[in-house]
PDB file of N, CA and C in Angstrom:
ATOM      1  N   MET A   1      42.457 -36.070  12.434  1.00  0.00           N
ATOM      2  CA  MET A   1      41.934 -34.925  11.793  1.00  0.00           C
ATOM      3  C   MET A   1      40.777 -34.364  12.338  1.00  0.00           C
ATOM      4  N   CYS A   2      40.588 -33.057  12.211  1.00  0.00           N
ATOM      5  CA  CYS A   2      39.313 -32.581  12.695  1.00  0.00           C
ATOM      6  C   CYS A   2      38.744 -31.730  11.556  1.00  0.00           C
ATOM      7  N   MET A   3      37.344 -31.902  11.415  1.00  0.00           N
ATOM      8  CA  MET A   3      36.576 -31.131  10.295  1.00  0.00           C
ATOM      9  C   MET A   3      35.819 -29.968  10.907  1.00  0.00           C
ATOM     10  N   ALA A   4      36.025 -28.830  10.516  1.00  0.00           N
ATOM     11  CA  ALA A   4      35.243 -27.728  11.090  1.00  0.00           C
ATOM     12  C   ALA A   4      34.199 -27.348  10.046  1.00  0.00           C
ATOM     13  N   ILE A   5      33.009 -27.217  10.758  1.00  0.00           N
ATOM     14  CA  ILE A   5      31.722 -26.858  10.099  1.00  0.00           C
ATOM     15  C   ILE A   5      31.204 -25.317  10.051  1.00  0.00           C
ATOM     16  N   PRO A   6      31.211 -24.716   8.889  1.00  0.00           N
ATOM     17  CA  PRO A   6      30.669 -23.242   9.098  1.00  0.00           C
ATOM     18  C   PRO A   6      29.266 -23.282   9.848  1.00  0.00           C
ATOM     19  N   SER A   7      29.004 -22.197  10.632  1.00  0.00           N
ATOM     20  CA  SER A   7      27.750 -22.144  11.411  1.00  0.00           C
ATOM     21  C   SER A   7      27.437 -20.814  11.535  1.00  0.00           C
ATOM     22  N   ARG A   8      26.307 -20.294  11.521  1.00  0.00           N
ATOM     23  CA  ARG A   8      25.853 -19.161  11.639  1.00  0.00           C
ATOM     24  C   ARG A   8      25.358 -18.676  12.906  1.00  0.00           C
ATOM     25  N   VAL A   9      25.806 -17.705  13.566  1.00  0.00           N
ATOM     26  CA  VAL A   9      25.731 -17.148  14.783  1.00  0.00           C
ATOM     27  C   VAL A   9      24.310 -16.678  15.061  1.00  0.00           C
ATOM     28  N   ILE A  10      23.455 -17.165  15.804  1.00  0.00           N
ATOM     29  CA  ILE A  10      22.033 -16.726  16.022  1.00  0.00           C
ATOM     30  C   ILE A  10      21.838 -16.159  17.352  1.00  0.00           C
ATOM     31  N   ALA A  11      22.569 -16.371  18.287  1.00  0.00           N
ATOM     32  CA  ALA A  11      22.419 -15.591  19.859  1.00  0.00           C
ATOM     33  C   ALA A  11      24.025 -15.317  20.372  1.00  0.00           C
ATOM     34  N   LEU A  12      23.946 -14.613  21.134  1.00  0.00           N
ATOM     35  CA  LEU A  12      25.447 -14.318  21.870  1.00  0.00           C
ATOM     36  C   LEU A  12      25.227 -13.980  23.199  1.00  0.00           C
ATOM     37  N   SER A  13      25.894 -14.741  24.021  1.00  0.00           N
ATOM     38  CA  SER A  13      25.808 -14.598  25.545  1.00  0.00           C
ATOM     39  C   SER A  13      27.373 -14.805  26.163  1.00  0.00           C
ATOM     40  N   GLY A  14      27.899 -13.472  26.367  1.00  0.00           N
ATOM     41  CA  GLY A  14      29.223 -13.519  26.857  1.00  0.00           C
ATOM     42  C   GLY A  14      30.193 -14.358  26.067  1.00  0.00           C
ATOM     43  N   GLU A  15      30.786 -15.381  26.524  1.00  0.00           N
ATOM     44  CA  GLU A  15      31.806 -16.035  25.650  1.00  0.00           C
ATOM     45  C   GLU A  15      31.222 -17.589  25.103  1.00  0.00           C
ATOM     46  N   MET A  16      29.890 -17.266  24.969  1.00  0.00           N
ATOM     47  CA  MET A  16      29.247 -18.480  24.217  1.00  0.00           C
ATOM     48  C   MET A  16      28.328 -17.871  23.220  1.00  0.00           C
ATOM     49  N   ALA A  17      28.143 -18.825  22.393  1.00  0.00           N
ATOM     50  CA  ALA A  17      27.332 -18.495  21.317  1.00  0.00           C
ATOM     51  C   ALA A  17      26.393 -19.578  20.881  1.00  0.00           C
ATOM     52  N   THR A  18      25.167 -19.337  20.385  1.00  0.00           N
ATOM     53  CA  THR A  18      24.305 -20.277  19.834  1.00  0.00           C
ATOM     54  C   THR A  18      24.482 -20.081  18.298  1.00  0.00           C
ATOM     55  N   VAL A  19      24.788 -21.271  17.647  1.00  0.00           N
ATOM     56  CA  VAL A  19      24.990 -21.406  16.304  1.00  0.00           C
ATOM     57  C   VAL A  19      23.926 -22.212  15.503  1.00  0.00           C
ATOM     58  N   GLU A  20      23.908 -22.138  14.060  1.00  0.00           N
ATOM     59  CA  GLU A  20      22.836 -23.047  13.597  1.00  0.00           C
ATOM     60  C   GLU A  20      23.550 -23.476  12.164  1.00  0.00           C
ATOM     61  N   CYS A  21      23.444 -24.843  12.022  1.00  0.00           N
ATOM     62  CA  CYS A  21      23.818 -25.322  10.718  1.00  0.00           C
ATOM     63  C   CYS A  21      23.079 -26.453  10.230  1.00  0.00           C
ATOM     64  N   PHE A  22      22.686 -26.594   8.996  1.00  0.00           N
ATOM     65  CA  PHE A  22      21.518 -27.438   8.518  1.00  0.00           C
ATOM     66  C   PHE A  22      20.397 -27.649   9.416  1.00  0.00           C
ATOM     67  N   GLY A  23      19.959 -26.653  10.142  1.00  0.00           N
ATOM     68  CA  GLY A  23      18.764 -26.672  10.878  1.00  0.00           C
ATOM     69  C   GLY A  23      19.015 -27.021  12.130  1.00  0.00           C
ATOM     70  N   GLU A  24      20.103 -27.454  12.664  1.00  0.00           N
ATOM     71  CA  GLU A  24      20.440 -27.725  14.063  1.00  0.00           C
ATOM     72  C   GLU A  24      21.107 -26.609  14.819  1.00  0.00           C
ATOM     73  N   GLN A  25      20.627 -26.534  16.021  1.00  0.00           N
ATOM     74  CA  GLN A  25      21.330 -25.317  16.818  1.00  0.00           C
ATOM     75  C   GLN A  25      22.164 -26.055  17.903  1.00  0.00           C
ATOM     76  N   ARG A  26      23.249 -25.428  18.283  1.00  0.00           N
ATOM     77  CA  ARG A  26      24.154 -25.714  19.477  1.00  0.00           C
ATOM     78  C   ARG A  26      24.706 -24.601  19.965  1.00  0.00           C
ATOM     79  N   ASP A  27      25.197 -24.824  21.206  1.00  0.00           N
ATOM     80  CA  ASP A  27      25.903 -23.771  21.955  1.00  0.00           C
ATOM     81  C   ASP A  27      27.408 -24.163  21.783  1.00  0.00           C
ATOM     82  N   VAL A  28      28.197 -23.070  21.438  1.00  0.00           N
ATOM     83  CA  VAL A  28      29.566 -23.204  21.170  1.00  0.00           C
ATOM     84  C   VAL A  28      30.264 -22.131  22.140  1.00  0.00           C
ATOM     85  N   SER A  29      31.661 -22.377  22.474  1.00  0.00           N
ATOM     86  CA  SER A  29      32.329 -21.592  23.293  1.00  0.00           C
ATOM     87  C   SER A  29      33.076 -20.686  22.199  1.00  0.00           C
ATOM     88  N   LEU A  30      33.397 -19.274  22.576  1.00  0.00           N
ATOM     89  CA  LEU A  30      33.927 -18.251  21.814  1.00  0.00           C
ATOM     90  C   LEU A  30      35.387 -17.892  22.394  1.00  0.00           C
ATOM     91  N   MET A  31      35.771 -18.739  23.101  1.00  0.00           N
ATOM     92  CA  MET A  31      37.043 -18.458  23.998  1.00  0.00           C
ATOM     93  C   MET A  31      38.357 -18.409  23.137  1.00  0.00           C
ATOM     94  N   LEU A  32      38.229 -19.241  21.880  1.00  0.00           N
ATOM     95  CA  LEU A  32      39.199 -19.223  20.878  1.00  0.00           C
ATOM     96  C   LEU A  32      39.174 -17.890  19.810  1.00  0.00           C
ATOM     97  N   MET A  33      38.200 -17.141  19.774  1.00  0.00           N
ATOM     98  CA  MET A  33      37.892 -16.361  18.967  1.00  0.00           C
ATOM     99  C   MET A  33      38.768 -14.958  19.492  1.00  0.00           C
ATOM    100  N   ASP A  34      39.245 -14.356  18.116  1.00  0.00           N
ATOM    101  CA  ASP A  34      40.149 -13.215  18.654  1.00  0.00           C
ATOM    102  C   ASP A  34      39.528 -11.805  18.238  1.00  0.00           C
ATOM    103  N   GLY A  35      38.184 -11.878  18.422  1.00  0.00           N
ATOM    104  CA  GLY A  35      37.506 -10.507  18.178  1.00  0.00           C
ATOM    105  C   GLY A  35      36.000 -10.681  18.169  1.00  0.00           C
ATOM    106  N   PRO A  36      35.431  -9.664  18.484  1.00  0.00           N
ATOM    107  CA  PRO A  36      33.856  -9.736  18.794  1.00  0.00           C
ATOM    108  C   PRO A  36      33.163 -10.244  17.515  1.00  0.00           C
ATOM    109  N   LEU A  37      31.830 -10.872  17.715  1.00  0.00           N
ATOM    110  CA  LEU A  37      31.054 -11.533  16.780  1.00  0.00           C
ATOM    111  C   LEU A  37      29.740 -10.527  16.928  1.00  0.00           C
ATOM    112  N   ALA A  38      29.068 -10.750  15.626  1.00  0.00           N
ATOM    113  CA  ALA A  38      27.820 -10.056  15.492  1.00  0.00           C
ATOM    114  C   ALA A  38      26.661 -11.159  15.267  1.00  0.00           C
ATOM    115  N   LEU A  39      25.441 -11.094  15.459  1.00  0.00           N
ATOM    116  CA  LEU A  39      24.531 -11.880  14.870  1.00  0.00           C
ATOM    117  C   LEU A  39      24.552 -11.998  13.521  1.00  0.00           C
ATOM    118  N   GLY A  40      24.435 -13.068  12.847  1.00  0.00           N
ATOM    119  CA  GLY A  40      24.508 -13.424  11.484  1.00  0.00           C
ATOM    120  C   GLY A  40      25.870 -13.766  10.949  1.00  0.00           C
ATOM    121  N   ASP A  41      27.085 -13.597  11.695  1.00  0.00           N
ATOM    122  CA  ASP A  41      28.198 -13.929  11.375  1.00  0.00           C
ATOM    123  C   ASP A  41      28.382 -15.495  11.132  1.00  0.00           C
ATOM    124  N   TYR A  42      29.421 -15.949  10.416  1.00  0.00           N
ATOM    125  CA  TYR A  42      29.588 -17.279  10.285  1.00  0.00           C
ATOM    126  C   TYR A  42      30.967 -17.518  10.864  1.00  0.00           C
ATOM    127  N   VAL A  43      30.849 -18.669  11.524  1.00  0.00           N
ATOM    128  CA  VAL A  43      32.266 -19.154  12.298  1.00  0.00           C
ATOM    129  C   VAL A  43      32.557 -20.543  11.930  1.00  0.00           C
ATOM    130  N   LEU A  44      33.637 -20.908  11.953  1.00  0.00           N
ATOM    131  CA  LEU A  44      34.205 -22.340  11.911  1.00  0.00           C
ATOM    132  C   LEU A  44      34.049 -22.972  13.322  1.00  0.00           C
ATOM    133  N   VAL A  45      33.299 -24.157  13.270  1.00  0.00           N
ATOM    134  CA  VAL A  45      33.296 -24.823  14.789  1.00  0.00           C
ATOM    135  C   VAL A  45      33.897 -26.219  14.662  1.00  0.00           C
ATOM    136  N   GLN A  46      34.828 -26.327  15.529  1.00  0.00           N
ATOM    137  CA  GLN A  46      35.262 -27.683  15.773  1.00  0.00           C
ATOM    138  C   GLN A  46      34.538 -28.699  16.493  1.00  0.00           C
ATOM    139  N   ALA A  47      34.743 -29.889  16.190  1.00  0.00           N
ATOM    140  CA  ALA A  47      33.815 -31.005  16.777  1.00  0.00           C
ATOM    141  C   ALA A  47      33.570 -30.863  18.462  1.00  0.00           C
ATOM    142  N   GLY A  48      34.568 -30.381  19.012  1.00  0.00           N
ATOM    143  CA  GLY A  48      34.737 -30.025  20.637  1.00  0.00           C
ATOM    144  C   GLY A  48      33.815 -29.143  20.998  1.00  0.00           C
ATOM    145  N   GLY A  49      33.212 -28.280  19.973  1.00  0.00           N
ATOM    146  CA  GLY A  49      32.267 -27.181  20.413  1.00  0.00           C
ATOM    147  C   GLY A  49      33.028 -25.894  20.630  1.00  0.00           C
ATOM    148  N   PHE A  50      34.078 -25.501  20.075  1.00  0.00           N
ATOM    149  CA  PHE A  50      34.683 -24.272  19.934  1.00  0.00           C
ATOM    150  C   PHE A  50      34.637 -23.686  18.758  1.00  0.00           C
ATOM    151  N   ALA A  51      34.156 -22.444  18.654  1.00  0.00           N
ATOM    152  CA  ALA A  51      34.242 -21.494  17.293  1.00  0.00           C
ATOM    153  C   ALA A  51      35.873 -21.025  17.355  1.00  0.00           C
ATOM    154  N   TYR A  52      36.261 -21.000  16.227  1.00  0.00           N
ATOM    155  CA  TYR A  52      37.719 -20.575  16.244  1.00  0.00           C
ATOM    156  C   TYR A  52      38.055 -19.627  15.371  1.00  0.00           C
ATOM    157  N   GLU A  53      37.060 -19.285  14.149  1.00  0.00           N
ATOM    158  CA  GLU A  53      37.571 -18.492  12.979  1.00  0.00           C
ATOM    159  C   GLU A  53      36.248 -18.021  12.469  1.00  0.00           C
ATOM    160  N   ARG A  54      36.411 -16.737  12.085  1.00  0.00           N
ATOM    161  CA  ARG A  54      35.034 -16.065  11.276  1.00  0.00           C
ATOM    162  C   ARG A  54      35.520 -16.335   9.867  1.00  0.00           C
ATOM    163  N   VAL A  55      34.374 -16.608   9.130  1.00  0.00           N
ATOM    164  CA  VAL A  55      34.573 -16.692   7.671  1.00  0.00           C
ATOM    165  C   VAL A  55      33.434 -16.014   7.038  1.00  0.00           C
ATOM    166  N   THR A  56      33.805 -15.595   5.701  1.00  0.00           N
ATOM    167  CA  THR A  56      32.713 -14.810   4.902  1.00  0.00           C
ATOM    168  C   THR A  56      31.521 -15.657   4.717  1.00  0.00           C
ATOM    169  N   PRO A  57      30.405 -14.999   4.477  1.00  0.00           N
ATOM    170  CA  PRO A  57      29.191 -15.653   4.226  1.00  0.00           C
ATOM    171  C   PRO A  57      29.346 -16.401   2.913  1.00  0.00           C
ATOM    172  N   THR A  58      30.067 -15.960   1.885  1.00  0.00           N
ATOM    173  CA  THR A  58      30.210 -16.443   0.513  1.00  0.00           C
ATOM    174  C   THR A  58      30.933 -17.708   0.732  1.00  0.00           C
ATOM    175  N   ALA A  59      32.080 -17.829   1.515  1.00  0.00           N
ATOM    176  CA  ALA A  59      32.863 -19.019   1.708  1.00  0.00           C
ATOM    177  C   ALA A  59      32.051 -19.803   2.575  1.00  0.00           C
ATOM    178  N   ALA A  60      31.232 -19.448   3.549  1.00  0.00           N
ATOM    179  CA  ALA A  60      30.361 -20.384   4.554  1.00  0.00           C
ATOM    180  C   ALA A  60      29.454 -21.151   3.721  1.00  0.00           C
ATOM    181  N   LEU A  61      28.642 -20.320   2.792  1.00  0.00           N
ATOM    182  CA  LEU A  61      27.733 -21.025   2.204  1.00  0.00           C
ATOM    183  C   LEU A  61      28.140 -22.023   0.991  1.00  0.00           C
ATOM    184  N   GLU A  62      29.144 -21.549   0.218  1.00  0.00           N
ATOM    185  CA  GLU A  62      29.617 -22.554  -0.455  1.00  0.00           C
ATOM    186  C   GLU A  62      30.192 -23.905  -0.076  1.00  0.00           C
ATOM    187  N   THR A  63      30.754 -23.663   1.209  1.00  0.00           N
ATOM    188  CA  THR A  63      31.278 -24.972   1.907  1.00  0.00           C
ATOM    189  C   THR A  63      30.086 -25.811   2.326  1.00  0.00           C
ATOM    190  N   LEU A  64      29.002 -25.067   2.969  1.00  0.00           N
ATOM    191  CA  LEU A  64      27.696 -25.919   3.459  1.00  0.00           C
ATOM    192  C   LEU A  64      26.994 -26.532   2.119  1.00  0.00           C
ATOM    193  N   ASP A  65      27.011 -26.012   0.955  1.00  0.00           N
ATOM    194  CA  ASP A  65      26.379 -26.674  -0.242  1.00  0.00           C
ATOM    195  C   ASP A  65      27.245 -27.783  -0.480  1.00  0.00           C
ATOM    196  N   LEU A  66      28.714 -27.634  -0.596  1.00  0.00           N
ATOM    197  CA  LEU A  66      29.468 -28.948  -0.846  1.00  0.00           C
ATOM    198  C   LEU A  66      29.167 -30.067   0.157  1.00  0.00           C
ATOM    199  N   LEU A  67      29.093 -29.683   1.526  1.00  0.00           N
ATOM    200  CA  LEU A  67      28.919 -30.692   2.517  1.00  0.00           C
ATOM    201  C   LEU A  67      27.719 -31.389   2.249  1.00  0.00           C
ATOM    202  N   GLY A  68      26.517 -30.442   1.940  1.00  0.00           N
ATOM    203  CA  GLY A  68      25.153 -31.036   1.826  1.00  0.00           C
ATOM    204  C   GLY A  68      25.333 -31.883   0.645  1.00  0.00           C
ATOM    205  N   ALA A  69      25.878 -31.672  -0.306  1.00  0.00           N
ATOM    206  CA  ALA A  69      26.041 -32.620  -1.561  1.00  0.00           C
ATOM    207  C   ALA A  69      26.543 -34.085  -0.977  1.00  0.00           C
ATOM    208  N   VAL A  70      27.863 -33.760  -0.368  1.00  0.00           N
ATOM    209  CA  VAL A  70      28.262 -35.016   0.205  1.00  0.00           C
ATOM    210  C   VAL A  70      27.340 -35.873   1.182  1.00  0.00           C
ATOM    211  N   ILE A  71      26.747 -35.374   1.985  1.00  0.00           N
ATOM    212  CA  ILE A  71      25.830 -35.776   2.874  1.00  0.00           C
ATOM    213  C   ILE A  71      24.978 -36.461   2.090  1.00  0.00           C
ATOM    214  N   GLY A  72      24.254 -35.895   1.038  1.00  0.00           N
ATOM    215  CA  GLY A  72      23.211 -36.575   0.320  1.00  0.00           C
ATOM    216  C   GLY A  72      23.609 -37.719  -0.644  1.00  0.00           C
ATOM    217  N   GLN A  73      24.903 -37.819  -0.834  1.00  0.00           N
ATOM    218  CA  GLN A  73      25.344 -38.860  -1.783  1.00  0.00           C
ATOM    219  C   GLN A  73      25.567 -40.022  -0.559  1.00  0.00           C
ATOM    220  N   ALA A  74      26.020 -39.774   0.499  1.00  0.00           N
ATOM    221  CA  ALA A  74      26.260 -40.671   1.584  1.00  0.00           C
ATOM    222  C   ALA A  74      25.176 -41.475   2.022  1.00  0.00           C
ATOM    223  N   ALA A  75      23.859 -40.657   1.806  1.00  0.00           N
ATOM    224  CA  ALA A  75      22.558 -41.159   2.561  1.00  0.00           C
ATOM    225  C   ALA A  75      22.091 -41.969   1.228  1.00  0.00           C
ATOM    226  N   ALA A  76      22.274 -41.789  -0.016  1.00  0.00           N
ATOM    227  CA  ALA A  76      21.859 -42.503  -0.886  1.00  0.00           C
ATOM    228  C   ALA A  76      22.663 -43.899  -1.231  1.00  0.00           C
ATOM    229  N   ALA A  77      24.030 -43.906  -0.657  1.00  0.00           N
ATOM    230  CA  ALA A  77      24.427 -44.990  -0.873  1.00  0.00           C
ATOM    231  C   ALA A  77      24.182 -46.474  -0.058  1.00  0.00           C
TER     232      ALA A  77
END
């Protein structure tokens, strides 16, 4: 099973993007995306470092809020 994390695009360079999630930045491949991206778009990123789907800001932020709550609970346990 693979868990995809919504991440915001903060830089674009050819077939690569820099994305940000929970304050961490990482470079991801865009080779699985089927259309152009813009700065500020949210994408789902697989653990292997591939962005594969654009998601709405609303869906991304809701998911990040839920993940943040889960991470917070796990850290407190």
